[in-house]
Amino acid sequence: MTDAPGALLIAGSIATDHLMTFDGQFSDSLVVDQLDKLSVSFLVHDLEVRRGGCAGNISFGLGQLGLHPVLVGAVGEDFADYRAWLERHGVDCAHIHVSPTRHTARFVCTNDSTMAQIASFYPGAMSEAREIELKPIVDVVGDPAYVLIGPDDPEGMLRHTDECRSRGYRFVADPSQQLAFGDGDLIRQLIDGADILVTNEYETHVIEKKTGWGTDDVQDRVRLQVTTLGADGVRICGRDQELIEVPAAKNVTPVEPTGVGDAFRAGFLAALGWQLSLERAAQVGCVLAAYVVETVGPQEYSFTPEQFVGRVRESYGDAAADEVGAFVS
């Protein structure tokens, strides 16, 4: 397996998900006219703890493809087991900020038998991402091929974006979940000057609505716009880029979608690091995403190089498989 020329810095959220299941229905324990005095508990029969966070998921995917991404984010001292897992899968965790006072970000959720959900998100150490400077990391790992700036503490995202612009680091803008909470001014600052903007189709519309920018305005501010389209694949466009449309991978049996977009980003960045074409990059991203959607949990999939290249061949033909196979076999 071959590393990309230049480091890949993956900045963003690092979190764990605690998912529980209640056999009954929440509604049976709720009295509508007494909600102001609410005090209930539910006996759950199942608990799953999943490793997650967008930066953690993307880094794991890159590691599965044989690269060694540099994870940039903030965690608590409870991160030891998760760190060991990522390091076993090729992720450089040496530059993660460890908070002495806060826990790693955590999503705690209980679903009932009707799939109603009661959930809480604790950002914890993630709020300290704003304290991370990229240059000391670059001084150690070398000039980055790309810095991906994913959803994280908004001030941290702004700091990383501003530093990339000022120091000339090529960056990938991946604001995803923060688009729902950010205003137009924040979104404009996170996108302007990006080498690549990656969103899904809905997020593209959110960007245009909140910023007041049209499609041409967005493309005037980024070199490439990559839009994932779910089962319809991927669209890539840009100022000086002929439109590229890539279908999703074939013969996918969807099970659970969490982390699918993160896997696409990992595959796309890996192929760019291998200096393959944009079409090939999208194809690699789609195949890696297929593994995630067929698995419960964003970091629970695995494959051999032969299996991965086989799926590329099945979906995109011999030429694609031969090019990709030179890097993953």
Protein backbone atom coordinates (compact mmCIF):
# COMPACT_ATOMS: atom_id res chain seq x y z
CA MET A 1 0.00 0.00 0.00
CA THR A 2 1.27 3.49 -0.88
CA ASP A 3 1.08 6.73 1.09
CA ALA A 4 -0.04 9.97 -0.49
CA PRO A 5 2.54 12.68 -1.34
CA GLY A 6 2.10 15.18 1.47
CA ALA A 7 0.30 14.65 4.74
CA LEU A 8 -3.47 14.45 5.04
CA LEU A 9 -4.66 16.40 8.08
CA ILE A 10 -8.23 15.53 9.11
CA ALA A 11 -9.70 18.11 11.48
CA GLY A 12 -13.13 17.74 13.01
CA SER A 13 -15.26 16.02 15.60
CA ILE A 14 -14.15 12.96 17.56
CA ALA A 15 -16.95 11.36 19.57
CA THR A 16 -18.50 8.18 20.88
CA ASP A 17 -22.14 7.17 20.48
CA HIS A 18 -23.95 5.36 23.29
CA LEU A 19 -27.06 3.81 21.78
CA MET A 20 -29.73 2.09 23.88
CA THR A 21 -33.03 0.37 23.13
CA PHE A 22 -36.20 0.45 25.26
CA ASP A 23 -38.69 -2.34 24.52
CA GLY A 24 -41.79 -0.29 25.32
CA GLN A 25 -43.08 3.09 24.18
CA PHE A 26 -42.03 6.37 25.74
CA SER A 27 -45.54 7.70 25.28
CA ASP A 28 -46.91 5.18 27.81
CA SER A 29 -44.88 6.90 30.54
CA LEU A 30 -45.56 10.49 29.59
CA VAL A 31 -48.50 12.51 30.90
CA VAL A 32 -48.96 15.45 28.56
CA ASP A 33 -50.32 17.91 31.12
CA GLN A 34 -47.54 17.02 33.59
CA LEU A 35 -44.51 17.49 31.35
CA ASP A 36 -43.36 20.45 33.42
CA LYS A 37 -42.84 17.97 36.28
CA LEU A 38 -41.25 15.29 34.12
CA SER A 39 -39.16 12.72 35.98
CA VAL A 40 -38.98 9.30 34.31
CA SER A 41 -36.47 6.54 33.69
CA PHE A 42 -36.54 3.62 31.28
CA LEU A 43 -35.05 0.16 31.73
CA VAL A 44 -33.14 -0.54 28.53
CA HIS A 45 -32.12 -3.99 27.37
CA ASP A 46 -29.36 -3.13 24.92
CA LEU A 47 -26.33 -0.82 24.81
CA GLU A 48 -24.02 -0.27 21.86
CA VAL A 49 -20.98 1.97 22.13
CA ARG A 50 -19.77 3.07 18.73
CA ARG A 51 -16.69 5.05 17.83
CA GLY A 52 -17.54 8.04 15.71
CA GLY A 53 -17.22 11.73 15.01
CA CYS A 54 -16.68 12.87 11.43
CA ALA A 55 -12.90 13.29 11.71
CA GLY A 56 -12.55 9.93 13.45
CA ASN A 57 -14.65 8.21 10.78
CA ILE A 58 -12.78 9.78 7.86
CA SER A 59 -9.40 8.99 9.39
CA PHE A 60 -10.43 5.38 9.98
CA GLY A 61 -11.48 5.05 6.33
CA LEU A 62 -8.18 6.45 5.10
CA GLY A 63 -6.37 4.01 7.35
CA GLN A 64 -8.37 1.11 5.90
CA LEU A 65 -7.08 2.10 2.47
CA GLY A 66 -3.49 2.04 3.68
CA LEU A 67 -2.84 5.72 4.25
CA HIS A 68 -1.71 7.30 7.52
CA PRO A 69 -3.85 10.41 8.10
CA VAL A 70 -3.10 12.87 10.88
CA LEU A 71 -6.15 13.26 13.12
CA VAL A 72 -6.64 16.81 14.42
CA GLY A 73 -9.22 17.35 17.15
CA ALA A 74 -9.87 17.60 20.86
CA VAL A 75 -10.68 14.72 23.21
CA GLY A 76 -10.80 13.93 26.91
CA GLU A 77 -8.58 11.66 28.97
CA ASP A 78 -11.18 8.91 28.40
CA PHE A 79 -9.96 8.63 24.79
CA ALA A 80 -7.35 5.90 25.45
CA ASP A 81 -9.28 2.91 24.05
CA TYR A 82 -10.50 4.84 21.02
CA ARG A 83 -6.95 6.12 20.39
CA ALA A 84 -5.58 2.57 20.46
CA TRP A 85 -8.24 1.44 17.98
CA LEU A 86 -7.42 4.22 15.53
CA GLU A 87 -3.68 3.73 15.84
CA ARG A 88 -4.10 0.01 15.12
CA HIS A 89 -5.82 1.07 11.90
CA GLY A 90 -3.08 3.40 10.71
CA VAL A 91 -4.21 6.77 12.09
CA ASP A 92 -1.64 9.22 13.49
CA CYS A 93 -3.12 10.37 16.81
CA ALA A 94 0.03 12.05 18.13
CA HIS A 95 -1.26 15.58 17.61
CA ILE A 96 -4.70 15.31 19.20
CA HIS A 97 -5.42 17.88 21.92
CA VAL A 98 -6.31 16.20 25.22
CA SER A 99 -8.44 18.20 27.63
CA PRO A 100 -7.53 17.80 31.30
CA THR A 101 -11.05 18.64 32.45
CA ARG A 102 -13.60 17.55 29.84
CA HIS A 103 -14.70 14.18 28.49
CA THR A 104 -14.59 13.26 24.82
CA ALA A 105 -17.74 14.40 23.00
CA ARG A 106 -20.58 11.96 23.45
CA PHE A 107 -23.97 11.26 21.90
CA VAL A 108 -26.33 9.36 24.22
CA CYS A 109 -29.54 8.10 22.68
CA THR A 110 -32.42 5.78 23.61
CA ASN A 111 -34.89 4.52 21.01
CA ASP A 112 -38.21 2.91 21.90
CA SER A 113 -40.09 0.23 19.99
CA THR A 114 -41.69 2.84 17.69
CA MET A 115 -38.26 4.37 16.93
CA ALA A 116 -39.12 7.46 18.93
CA GLN A 117 -35.89 8.87 20.30
CA ILE A 118 -34.67 10.69 23.39
CA ALA A 119 -31.11 11.88 22.96
CA SER A 120 -28.46 14.24 24.28
CA PHE A 121 -25.20 15.47 22.80
CA TYR A 122 -22.34 16.50 25.06
CA PRO A 123 -19.68 18.47 23.13
CA GLY A 124 -17.20 18.26 25.99
CA ALA A 125 -13.59 18.48 24.88
CA MET A 126 -14.65 19.33 21.33
CA SER A 127 -15.08 22.95 22.45
CA GLU A 128 -11.30 23.10 22.95
CA ALA A 129 -10.60 22.49 19.24
CA ARG A 130 -10.30 26.27 18.94
CA GLU A 131 -7.01 25.99 20.87
CA ILE A 132 -5.36 23.89 18.15
CA GLU A 133 -2.89 25.54 15.75
CA LEU A 134 -2.02 23.67 12.56
CA LYS A 135 1.52 24.96 11.97
CA PRO A 136 3.18 23.06 14.85
CA ILE A 137 1.62 19.88 13.46
CA VAL A 138 2.80 20.67 9.93
CA ASP A 139 6.30 21.34 11.28
CA VAL A 140 6.37 17.70 12.41
CA VAL A 141 4.48 15.83 9.68
CA GLY A 142 5.41 17.97 6.67
CA ASP A 143 3.46 20.16 4.28
CA PRO A 144 -0.10 18.89 3.88
CA ALA A 145 -1.49 17.64 0.63
CA TYR A 146 -4.86 18.67 2.08
CA VAL A 147 -6.36 19.79 5.35
CA LEU A 148 -9.94 18.60 5.63
CA ILE A 149 -11.95 20.84 7.96
CA GLY A 150 -15.01 18.94 9.09
CA PRO A 151 -17.80 19.77 11.56
CA ASP A 152 -16.37 20.69 14.94
CA ASP A 153 -16.41 23.54 17.43
CA PRO A 154 -17.35 26.51 15.15
CA GLU A 155 -14.54 28.69 16.49
CA GLY A 156 -12.12 25.86 15.87
CA MET A 157 -13.37 25.45 12.31
CA LEU A 158 -12.92 29.16 11.68
CA ARG A 159 -9.42 29.13 13.13
CA HIS A 160 -8.35 26.19 10.96
CA THR A 161 -9.89 27.75 7.84
CA ASP A 162 -8.27 31.12 8.43
CA GLU A 163 -4.90 29.47 9.06
CA CYS A 164 -5.14 27.43 5.86
CA ARG A 165 -5.87 30.56 3.86
CA SER A 166 -3.08 32.58 5.47
CA ARG A 167 -0.44 29.82 5.24
CA GLY A 168 -1.44 28.56 1.80
CA TYR A 169 -2.52 25.07 2.88
CA ARG A 170 -4.99 23.53 0.44
CA PHE A 171 -8.16 22.75 2.37
CA VAL A 172 -11.33 20.77 1.92
CA ALA A 173 -14.41 22.50 3.36
CA ASP A 174 -16.76 19.92 4.86
CA PRO A 175 -19.14 21.88 7.14
CA SER A 176 -21.99 19.28 7.01
CA GLN A 177 -23.81 19.21 10.38
CA GLN A 178 -22.75 22.73 11.30
CA LEU A 179 -24.75 24.10 8.36
CA ALA A 180 -27.97 23.59 10.32
CA PHE A 181 -26.74 25.79 13.17
CA GLY A 182 -24.45 28.27 11.43
CA ASP A 183 -25.59 31.56 9.98
CA GLY A 184 -24.69 32.88 6.55
CA ASP A 185 -21.63 34.75 7.77
CA LEU A 186 -20.11 31.65 9.40
CA ILE A 187 -20.81 29.49 6.35
CA ARG A 188 -19.29 32.02 3.95
CA GLN A 189 -16.08 32.13 6.03
CA LEU A 190 -15.84 28.33 6.13
CA ILE A 191 -16.18 27.95 2.37
CA ASP A 192 -14.38 30.90 0.81
CA GLY A 193 -11.05 29.86 -0.68
CA ALA A 194 -11.53 26.10 -0.32
CA ASP A 195 -9.82 23.92 -2.88
CA ILE A 196 -12.74 21.48 -2.57
CA LEU A 197 -16.21 21.88 -1.04
CA VAL A 198 -17.93 18.58 -0.16
CA THR A 199 -21.63 18.45 0.73
CA ASN A 200 -24.70 16.38 0.06
CA GLU A 201 -27.47 17.73 -2.15
CA TYR A 202 -29.58 19.06 0.73
CA GLU A 203 -26.59 20.81 2.29
CA THR A 204 -25.88 22.50 -1.04
CA HIS A 205 -29.32 24.10 -0.91
CA VAL A 206 -28.80 25.14 2.73
CA ILE A 207 -25.55 26.87 1.77
CA GLU A 208 -27.22 28.78 -1.04
CA LYS A 209 -30.19 29.77 1.11
CA LYS A 210 -28.18 30.95 4.13
CA THR A 211 -25.35 32.69 2.26
CA GLY A 212 -27.46 34.20 -0.49
CA TRP A 213 -24.99 32.78 -3.01
CA GLY A 214 -26.14 31.05 -6.16
CA THR A 215 -24.39 28.09 -7.75
CA ASP A 216 -22.08 30.35 -9.75
CA ASP A 217 -21.23 32.38 -6.64
CA VAL A 218 -20.20 29.24 -4.76
CA GLN A 219 -18.09 28.02 -7.66
CA ASP A 220 -16.37 31.41 -7.87
CA ARG A 221 -15.09 30.82 -4.32
CA VAL A 222 -13.99 27.18 -4.48
CA ARG A 223 -12.00 25.25 -7.07
CA LEU A 224 -14.20 22.15 -7.01
CA GLN A 225 -17.66 21.41 -5.65
CA VAL A 226 -18.32 17.75 -4.87
CA THR A 227 -21.95 16.88 -4.15
CA THR A 228 -22.98 13.44 -2.95
CA LEU A 229 -26.39 12.32 -4.19
CA GLY A 230 -27.11 9.23 -2.10
CA ALA A 231 -28.19 6.30 -4.27
CA ASP A 232 -27.71 8.50 -7.35
CA GLY A 233 -23.96 8.77 -6.86
CA VAL A 234 -21.81 11.91 -7.00
CA ARG A 235 -21.60 15.13 -9.02
CA ILE A 236 -18.37 17.13 -9.41
CA CYS A 237 -18.25 20.58 -10.96
CA GLY A 238 -16.14 23.72 -10.82
CA ARG A 239 -15.11 26.91 -12.58
CA ASP A 240 -12.71 25.22 -14.97
CA GLN A 241 -13.93 21.67 -14.53
CA GLU A 242 -16.13 19.77 -16.96
CA LEU A 243 -19.10 18.21 -15.16
CA ILE A 244 -18.40 14.72 -13.85
CA GLU A 245 -21.21 12.40 -12.73
CA VAL A 246 -20.38 9.06 -11.14
CA PRO A 247 -23.07 6.48 -10.25
CA ALA A 248 -23.15 4.81 -6.86
CA ALA A 249 -21.50 1.43 -6.41
CA LYS A 250 -23.50 -1.56 -7.62
CA ASN A 251 -25.16 -4.35 -5.64
CA VAL A 252 -25.26 -2.52 -2.31
CA THR A 253 -27.47 -3.90 0.46
CA PRO A 254 -28.14 -0.94 2.77
CA VAL A 255 -28.38 -1.61 6.49
CA GLU A 256 -27.61 1.64 8.31
CA PRO A 257 -26.46 5.00 6.86
CA THR A 258 -24.45 6.56 9.71
CA GLY A 259 -20.98 7.52 8.50
CA VAL A 260 -21.59 6.89 4.81
CA GLY A 261 -20.66 10.44 3.83
CA ASP A 262 -17.52 10.27 5.93
CA ALA A 263 -16.45 7.08 4.15
CA PHE A 264 -16.97 8.72 0.77
CA ARG A 265 -14.73 11.60 1.81
CA ALA A 266 -12.05 9.16 2.95
CA GLY A 267 -12.08 7.25 -0.33
CA PHE A 268 -12.15 10.44 -2.40
CA LEU A 269 -9.18 11.93 -0.53
CA ALA A 270 -7.23 8.66 -0.69
CA ALA A 271 -7.53 8.53 -4.47
CA LEU A 272 -6.54 12.18 -4.82
CA GLY A 273 -3.51 11.37 -2.70
CA TRP A 274 -2.68 8.57 -5.14
CA GLN A 275 -2.97 11.21 -7.88
CA LEU A 276 -5.81 9.44 -9.64
CA SER A 277 -8.41 11.34 -11.65
CA LEU A 278 -11.46 12.99 -10.10
CA GLU A 279 -13.65 10.30 -11.66
CA ARG A 280 -11.57 7.56 -10.04
CA ALA A 281 -11.59 9.44 -6.73
CA ALA A 282 -15.38 9.54 -6.75
CA GLN A 283 -15.51 5.84 -7.62
CA VAL A 284 -13.20 4.91 -4.74
CA GLY A 285 -15.32 7.05 -2.42
CA CYS A 286 -18.52 5.36 -3.54
CA VAL A 287 -17.11 1.86 -3.00
CA LEU A 288 -15.84 2.70 0.48
CA ALA A 289 -19.23 4.24 1.30
CA ALA A 290 -20.90 0.98 0.23
CA TYR A 291 -19.01 -0.91 2.92
CA VAL A 292 -20.28 1.48 5.59
CA VAL A 293 -23.92 1.49 4.54
CA GLU A 294 -23.88 -2.33 4.66
CA THR A 295 -22.65 -2.29 8.28
CA VAL A 296 -24.08 -1.07 11.59
CA GLY A 297 -21.63 1.54 12.87
CA PRO A 298 -19.33 3.91 10.97
CA GLN A 299 -16.08 2.09 11.84
CA GLU A 300 -17.14 -1.57 11.93
CA TYR A 301 -16.40 -2.56 8.33
CA SER A 302 -13.38 -4.37 6.94
CA PHE A 303 -12.16 -5.79 3.65
CA THR A 304 -9.09 -7.23 2.00
CA PRO A 305 -7.37 -5.35 -0.83
CA GLU A 306 -8.61 -8.02 -3.23
CA GLN A 307 -12.21 -7.58 -2.07
CA PHE A 308 -12.06 -3.80 -2.42
CA VAL A 309 -10.57 -3.92 -5.91
CA GLY A 310 -13.15 -6.55 -6.83
CA ARG A 311 -15.98 -4.20 -5.90
CA VAL A 312 -14.38 -1.41 -7.92
CA ARG A 313 -14.20 -3.79 -10.89
CA GLU A 314 -17.82 -4.89 -10.43
CA SER A 315 -19.11 -1.32 -10.30
CA TYR A 316 -16.79 0.62 -12.61
CA GLY A 317 -14.95 -1.84 -14.85
CA ASP A 318 -11.51 -3.27 -15.43
CA ALA A 319 -9.70 -0.01 -16.16
CA ALA A 320 -10.83 1.52 -12.87
CA ALA A 321 -9.95 -1.62 -10.91
CA ASP A 322 -6.48 -1.83 -12.46
CA GLU A 323 -5.70 1.79 -11.60
CA VAL A 324 -7.01 1.53 -8.05
CA GLY A 325 -5.45 -1.90 -7.55
CA ALA A 326 -1.99 -0.42 -8.03
CA PHE A 327 -2.43 1.34 -4.68
CA VAL A 328 -4.51 -1.03 -2.56
CA SER A 329 -2.97 -4.40 -3.48
